[in-house]
Amino acid sequence: MGGSDSAGRLVRPFTLTGGRTRPSRADFTLITTVTAVDPQPQTAGRPQPEHLRILRLCERPVAVAELAARLDLPVSVVVIMLCDLLEAGRITAHPPHPVTRTTPDLDLLQKVREGLGRL
């Protein structure tokens, strides 16, 4: 791991959220996909380094759970920071697509069965 990652872990999670313990929105689940609108820092204001790391990691769509793992932070802390970025217009959030199938996909079930049989 790089030096910046080690230094980042010295910051307590509550300082990253400004002491907030709950997200301001309910847009995020573990599998919500997040994408940066513009991963480059804006000239107006001075975003926190953690927000900039999130934006860099979200250059391509990434799930909230994966983002938390990459940042090595609790999901609850990441969600609060994502709320900040969403409200600032810096990211987009896409909920998972609902499954509309009412009958099981027999081909998929057969592949799972074969895969389990090879274990």
N, C-alpha and C. Protein backbone atom coordinates (compact mmCIF):
# COMPACT_ATOMS: atom_id res chain seq x y z
N MET A 1 0.83 -1.18 0.00
CA MET A 1 0.00 0.00 0.00
C MET A 1 0.88 1.24 0.00
N GLY A 2 0.38 2.32 -0.58
CA GLY A 2 1.16 3.56 -0.68
C GLY A 2 1.15 4.34 0.62
N GLY A 3 2.03 5.32 0.69
CA GLY A 3 2.14 6.13 1.89
C GLY A 3 0.89 6.94 2.15
N SER A 4 0.21 7.40 1.08
CA SER A 4 -0.98 8.20 1.30
C SER A 4 -2.10 7.38 1.93
N ASP A 5 -2.18 6.08 1.57
CA ASP A 5 -3.19 5.23 2.18
C ASP A 5 -2.95 5.08 3.67
N SER A 6 -1.69 4.87 4.07
CA SER A 6 -1.36 4.72 5.48
C SER A 6 -1.69 5.98 6.25
N ALA A 7 -1.34 7.12 5.66
CA ALA A 7 -1.60 8.39 6.34
C ALA A 7 -3.10 8.63 6.45
N GLY A 8 -3.88 8.21 5.43
CA GLY A 8 -5.32 8.43 5.46
C GLY A 8 -6.00 7.66 6.57
N ARG A 9 -5.46 6.54 6.97
CA ARG A 9 -6.08 5.72 8.01
C ARG A 9 -5.93 6.34 9.39
N LEU A 10 -5.07 7.31 9.54
CA LEU A 10 -4.91 7.96 10.83
C LEU A 10 -6.08 8.89 11.14
N VAL A 11 -6.85 9.25 10.11
CA VAL A 11 -8.00 10.13 10.29
C VAL A 11 -9.18 9.29 10.75
N ARG A 12 -9.78 9.69 11.83
CA ARG A 12 -10.94 8.97 12.36
C ARG A 12 -12.15 9.19 11.47
N PRO A 13 -12.98 8.15 11.29
CA PRO A 13 -14.13 8.27 10.39
C PRO A 13 -15.06 9.44 10.71
N PHE A 14 -15.26 9.75 11.98
CA PHE A 14 -16.20 10.84 12.30
C PHE A 14 -15.67 12.19 11.84
N THR A 15 -14.36 12.33 11.68
CA THR A 15 -13.83 13.59 11.15
C THR A 15 -14.09 13.70 9.65
N LEU A 16 -14.15 12.57 8.97
CA LEU A 16 -14.42 12.58 7.53
C LEU A 16 -15.85 13.01 7.24
N THR A 17 -16.75 12.75 8.19
CA THR A 17 -18.17 13.07 7.98
C THR A 17 -18.59 14.33 8.72
N GLY A 18 -17.65 15.01 9.33
CA GLY A 18 -18.00 16.21 10.09
C GLY A 18 -18.84 15.88 11.31
N GLY A 19 -18.66 14.68 11.86
CA GLY A 19 -19.41 14.26 13.04
C GLY A 19 -20.78 13.67 12.73
N ARG A 20 -21.17 13.68 11.48
CA ARG A 20 -22.49 13.13 11.11
C ARG A 20 -22.45 11.61 11.18
N THR A 21 -23.54 11.02 11.63
CA THR A 21 -23.62 9.57 11.74
C THR A 21 -24.66 8.98 10.81
N ARG A 22 -25.46 9.83 10.18
CA ARG A 22 -26.50 9.35 9.27
C ARG A 22 -26.39 10.09 7.94
N PRO A 23 -26.65 9.38 6.84
CA PRO A 23 -26.63 10.04 5.53
C PRO A 23 -27.80 11.00 5.39
N SER A 24 -27.65 12.02 4.58
CA SER A 24 -28.70 13.00 4.38
C SER A 24 -29.74 12.53 3.36
N ARG A 25 -29.43 11.43 2.67
CA ARG A 25 -30.32 10.89 1.65
C ARG A 25 -30.36 9.37 1.77
N ALA A 26 -31.35 8.77 1.10
CA ALA A 26 -31.47 7.31 1.13
C ALA A 26 -31.21 6.73 -0.26
N ASP A 27 -30.36 7.39 -1.05
CA ASP A 27 -30.10 6.96 -2.42
C ASP A 27 -29.17 5.76 -2.53
N PHE A 28 -28.46 5.41 -1.49
CA PHE A 28 -27.37 4.45 -1.62
C PHE A 28 -27.63 3.13 -0.90
N THR A 29 -27.41 2.05 -1.63
CA THR A 29 -27.38 0.71 -1.06
C THR A 29 -25.98 0.16 -1.35
N LEU A 30 -25.69 -1.03 -0.90
CA LEU A 30 -24.37 -1.61 -1.15
C LEU A 30 -24.10 -1.81 -2.64
N ILE A 31 -25.16 -2.02 -3.43
CA ILE A 31 -24.95 -2.30 -4.85
C ILE A 31 -25.34 -1.13 -5.76
N THR A 32 -25.59 0.03 -5.18
CA THR A 32 -25.80 1.22 -5.99
C THR A 32 -24.51 1.52 -6.74
N THR A 33 -24.62 1.84 -8.01
CA THR A 33 -23.45 2.17 -8.83
C THR A 33 -23.25 3.67 -8.83
N VAL A 34 -22.01 4.08 -8.56
CA VAL A 34 -21.66 5.50 -8.46
C VAL A 34 -20.66 5.83 -9.56
N THR A 35 -20.85 6.99 -10.21
CA THR A 35 -19.94 7.45 -11.26
C THR A 35 -19.67 8.93 -11.05
N ALA A 36 -18.41 9.33 -11.19
CA ALA A 36 -18.04 10.74 -11.08
C ALA A 36 -18.53 11.48 -12.32
N VAL A 37 -19.10 12.66 -12.10
CA VAL A 37 -19.50 13.51 -13.21
C VAL A 37 -18.25 14.10 -13.84
N ASP A 38 -17.36 14.59 -12.99
CA ASP A 38 -16.08 15.14 -13.43
C ASP A 38 -15.05 14.80 -12.36
N PRO A 39 -14.19 13.81 -12.60
CA PRO A 39 -13.26 13.38 -11.56
C PRO A 39 -12.16 14.40 -11.24
N GLN A 40 -12.02 15.43 -12.07
CA GLN A 40 -10.99 16.44 -11.83
C GLN A 40 -11.48 17.43 -10.77
N PRO A 41 -10.59 17.91 -9.91
CA PRO A 41 -11.01 18.85 -8.87
C PRO A 41 -11.54 20.14 -9.47
N GLN A 42 -12.55 20.68 -8.83
CA GLN A 42 -13.10 21.96 -9.25
C GLN A 42 -12.23 23.08 -8.68
N THR A 43 -12.27 24.22 -9.34
CA THR A 43 -11.49 25.35 -8.85
C THR A 43 -12.18 26.03 -7.68
N ALA A 44 -13.52 25.99 -7.65
CA ALA A 44 -14.25 26.63 -6.56
C ALA A 44 -14.26 25.72 -5.34
N GLY A 45 -13.98 26.26 -4.19
CA GLY A 45 -13.98 25.48 -2.95
C GLY A 45 -12.78 24.57 -2.86
N ARG A 46 -12.61 23.98 -1.70
CA ARG A 46 -11.48 23.07 -1.50
C ARG A 46 -12.03 21.77 -0.94
N PRO A 47 -12.24 20.77 -1.82
CA PRO A 47 -12.79 19.51 -1.34
C PRO A 47 -11.79 18.76 -0.46
N GLN A 48 -12.33 17.93 0.41
CA GLN A 48 -11.48 17.10 1.27
C GLN A 48 -10.72 16.09 0.42
N PRO A 49 -9.52 15.70 0.85
CA PRO A 49 -8.75 14.70 0.10
C PRO A 49 -9.53 13.40 -0.11
N GLU A 50 -10.36 13.01 0.87
CA GLU A 50 -11.12 11.77 0.75
C GLU A 50 -12.16 11.89 -0.36
N HIS A 51 -12.76 13.08 -0.50
CA HIS A 51 -13.72 13.28 -1.58
C HIS A 51 -13.01 13.16 -2.94
N LEU A 52 -11.82 13.69 -3.02
CA LEU A 52 -11.04 13.60 -4.27
C LEU A 52 -10.69 12.15 -4.58
N ARG A 53 -10.36 11.37 -3.56
CA ARG A 53 -10.07 9.93 -3.77
C ARG A 53 -11.31 9.21 -4.29
N ILE A 54 -12.46 9.53 -3.73
CA ILE A 54 -13.71 8.92 -4.19
C ILE A 54 -13.93 9.26 -5.66
N LEU A 55 -13.75 10.53 -6.02
CA LEU A 55 -13.97 10.94 -7.40
C LEU A 55 -13.03 10.21 -8.36
N ARG A 56 -11.78 10.04 -7.95
CA ARG A 56 -10.83 9.31 -8.80
C ARG A 56 -11.24 7.85 -8.95
N LEU A 57 -11.69 7.24 -7.87
CA LEU A 57 -12.10 5.84 -7.92
C LEU A 57 -13.39 5.65 -8.71
N CYS A 58 -14.17 6.72 -8.85
CA CYS A 58 -15.45 6.64 -9.54
C CYS A 58 -15.37 7.13 -10.99
N GLU A 59 -14.17 7.20 -11.53
CA GLU A 59 -14.07 7.60 -12.94
C GLU A 59 -14.87 6.65 -13.82
N ARG A 60 -14.88 5.39 -13.42
CA ARG A 60 -15.73 4.38 -14.06
C ARG A 60 -16.75 3.95 -13.01
N PRO A 61 -17.92 3.48 -13.43
CA PRO A 61 -18.94 3.07 -12.46
C PRO A 61 -18.40 2.05 -11.47
N VAL A 62 -18.74 2.25 -10.20
CA VAL A 62 -18.29 1.35 -9.14
C VAL A 62 -19.40 1.24 -8.10
N ALA A 63 -19.57 0.05 -7.54
CA ALA A 63 -20.59 -0.17 -6.52
C ALA A 63 -20.13 0.42 -5.19
N VAL A 64 -21.07 0.84 -4.38
CA VAL A 64 -20.77 1.44 -3.08
C VAL A 64 -19.93 0.49 -2.23
N ALA A 65 -20.27 -0.79 -2.20
CA ALA A 65 -19.52 -1.76 -1.38
C ALA A 65 -18.07 -1.86 -1.84
N GLU A 66 -17.86 -1.88 -3.15
CA GLU A 66 -16.49 -1.96 -3.67
C GLU A 66 -15.71 -0.69 -3.35
N LEU A 67 -16.38 0.44 -3.45
CA LEU A 67 -15.75 1.72 -3.14
C LEU A 67 -15.31 1.76 -1.68
N ALA A 68 -16.16 1.31 -0.78
CA ALA A 68 -15.81 1.28 0.65
C ALA A 68 -14.61 0.36 0.88
N ALA A 69 -14.58 -0.77 0.18
CA ALA A 69 -13.46 -1.71 0.33
C ALA A 69 -12.17 -1.07 -0.17
N ARG A 70 -12.23 -0.41 -1.31
CA ARG A 70 -11.03 0.23 -1.86
C ARG A 70 -10.52 1.36 -0.98
N LEU A 71 -11.45 2.06 -0.33
CA LEU A 71 -11.06 3.17 0.55
C LEU A 71 -10.67 2.68 1.95
N ASP A 72 -11.00 1.42 2.24
CA ASP A 72 -10.76 0.85 3.57
C ASP A 72 -11.46 1.66 4.65
N LEU A 73 -12.73 1.99 4.37
CA LEU A 73 -13.57 2.76 5.29
C LEU A 73 -14.90 2.05 5.48
N PRO A 74 -15.56 2.28 6.60
CA PRO A 74 -16.90 1.70 6.79
C PRO A 74 -17.87 2.22 5.73
N VAL A 75 -18.78 1.36 5.29
CA VAL A 75 -19.76 1.74 4.28
C VAL A 75 -20.55 2.96 4.74
N SER A 76 -20.90 3.03 6.02
CA SER A 76 -21.70 4.15 6.52
C SER A 76 -20.98 5.49 6.32
N VAL A 77 -19.68 5.50 6.50
CA VAL A 77 -18.89 6.73 6.31
C VAL A 77 -18.84 7.08 4.82
N VAL A 78 -18.63 6.10 3.99
CA VAL A 78 -18.56 6.33 2.54
C VAL A 78 -19.90 6.86 2.04
N VAL A 79 -21.00 6.31 2.52
CA VAL A 79 -22.32 6.76 2.08
C VAL A 79 -22.54 8.23 2.45
N ILE A 80 -22.12 8.64 3.63
CA ILE A 80 -22.27 10.05 4.02
C ILE A 80 -21.46 10.94 3.09
N MET A 81 -20.23 10.52 2.75
CA MET A 81 -19.41 11.33 1.84
C MET A 81 -20.00 11.31 0.43
N LEU A 82 -20.60 10.19 0.01
CA LEU A 82 -21.25 10.13 -1.29
C LEU A 82 -22.45 11.06 -1.35
N CYS A 83 -23.18 11.17 -0.25
CA CYS A 83 -24.31 12.11 -0.19
C CYS A 83 -23.82 13.53 -0.44
N ASP A 84 -22.70 13.89 0.18
CA ASP A 84 -22.12 15.23 -0.03
C ASP A 84 -21.81 15.45 -1.51
N LEU A 85 -21.17 14.46 -2.13
CA LEU A 85 -20.78 14.58 -3.54
C LEU A 85 -22.00 14.60 -4.46
N LEU A 86 -23.02 13.82 -4.13
CA LEU A 86 -24.23 13.80 -4.95
C LEU A 86 -24.94 15.16 -4.87
N GLU A 87 -25.05 15.69 -3.66
CA GLU A 87 -25.70 16.99 -3.48
C GLU A 87 -24.93 18.12 -4.15
N ALA A 88 -23.61 17.96 -4.28
CA ALA A 88 -22.77 18.96 -4.95
C ALA A 88 -22.76 18.77 -6.47
N GLY A 89 -23.43 17.72 -6.95
CA GLY A 89 -23.48 17.46 -8.37
C GLY A 89 -22.20 16.86 -8.94
N ARG A 90 -21.38 16.27 -8.08
CA ARG A 90 -20.08 15.72 -8.51
C ARG A 90 -20.16 14.26 -8.93
N ILE A 91 -21.22 13.54 -8.52
CA ILE A 91 -21.39 12.14 -8.89
C ILE A 91 -22.83 11.88 -9.31
N THR A 92 -23.02 10.75 -9.97
CA THR A 92 -24.37 10.25 -10.23
C THR A 92 -24.49 8.90 -9.53
N ALA A 93 -25.68 8.57 -9.10
CA ALA A 93 -25.94 7.30 -8.42
C ALA A 93 -27.03 6.57 -9.20
N HIS A 94 -26.77 5.30 -9.51
CA HIS A 94 -27.73 4.49 -10.25
C HIS A 94 -28.10 3.28 -9.41
N PRO A 95 -29.37 3.19 -9.02
CA PRO A 95 -29.80 2.02 -8.24
C PRO A 95 -29.74 0.77 -9.09
N PRO A 96 -29.66 -0.38 -8.44
CA PRO A 96 -29.64 -1.64 -9.21
C PRO A 96 -30.94 -1.81 -9.97
N HIS A 97 -30.85 -2.46 -11.12
CA HIS A 97 -32.05 -2.73 -11.91
C HIS A 97 -32.86 -3.82 -11.24
N PRO A 98 -34.15 -3.59 -11.08
CA PRO A 98 -34.97 -4.64 -10.46
C PRO A 98 -35.08 -5.85 -11.37
N VAL A 99 -35.12 -7.01 -10.76
CA VAL A 99 -35.29 -8.25 -11.51
C VAL A 99 -36.77 -8.44 -11.76
N THR A 100 -37.13 -8.56 -13.02
CA THR A 100 -38.56 -8.67 -13.37
C THR A 100 -38.95 -10.08 -13.75
N ARG A 101 -38.00 -11.00 -13.75
CA ARG A 101 -38.29 -12.39 -14.10
C ARG A 101 -39.18 -13.04 -13.04
N THR A 102 -40.20 -13.70 -13.51
CA THR A 102 -41.06 -14.42 -12.57
C THR A 102 -40.75 -15.92 -12.58
N THR A 103 -40.12 -16.39 -13.66
CA THR A 103 -39.74 -17.80 -13.72
C THR A 103 -38.22 -17.90 -13.70
N PRO A 104 -37.68 -18.95 -13.11
CA PRO A 104 -36.22 -19.07 -13.06
C PRO A 104 -35.62 -19.30 -14.44
N ASP A 105 -34.43 -18.81 -14.64
CA ASP A 105 -33.69 -19.01 -15.88
C ASP A 105 -33.07 -20.41 -15.79
N LEU A 106 -33.64 -21.36 -16.52
CA LEU A 106 -33.20 -22.75 -16.41
C LEU A 106 -31.77 -22.94 -16.89
N ASP A 107 -31.35 -22.18 -17.89
CA ASP A 107 -29.97 -22.27 -18.37
C ASP A 107 -29.00 -21.84 -17.28
N LEU A 108 -29.32 -20.73 -16.61
CA LEU A 108 -28.47 -20.25 -15.52
C LEU A 108 -28.43 -21.26 -14.38
N LEU A 109 -29.57 -21.80 -14.01
CA LEU A 109 -29.62 -22.79 -12.94
C LEU A 109 -28.79 -24.03 -13.29
N GLN A 110 -28.83 -24.45 -14.56
CA GLN A 110 -28.05 -25.61 -15.00
C GLN A 110 -26.55 -25.31 -14.87
N LYS A 111 -26.13 -24.10 -15.25
CA LYS A 111 -24.71 -23.71 -15.14
C LYS A 111 -24.26 -23.68 -13.68
N VAL A 112 -25.13 -23.18 -12.80
CA VAL A 112 -24.80 -23.16 -11.36
C VAL A 112 -24.67 -24.59 -10.86
N ARG A 113 -25.61 -25.44 -11.26
CA ARG A 113 -25.55 -26.85 -10.84
C ARG A 113 -24.25 -27.53 -11.30
N GLU A 114 -23.89 -27.27 -12.54
CA GLU A 114 -22.64 -27.85 -13.07
C GLU A 114 -21.42 -27.30 -12.33
N GLY A 115 -21.45 -26.01 -12.03
CA GLY A 115 -20.34 -25.40 -11.30
C GLY A 115 -20.21 -25.97 -9.89
N LEU A 116 -21.32 -26.18 -9.23
CA LEU A 116 -21.29 -26.77 -7.90
C LEU A 116 -20.83 -28.22 -7.95
N GLY A 117 -21.19 -28.90 -9.02
CA GLY A 117 -20.77 -30.29 -9.18
C GLY A 117 -19.26 -30.42 -9.35
N ARG A 118 -18.63 -29.39 -9.91
CA ARG A 118 -17.16 -29.42 -10.10
C ARG A 118 -16.42 -29.10 -8.81
N LEU A 119 -17.10 -28.61 -7.81
CA LEU A 119 -16.42 -28.28 -6.54
C LEU A 119 -16.04 -29.50 -5.80
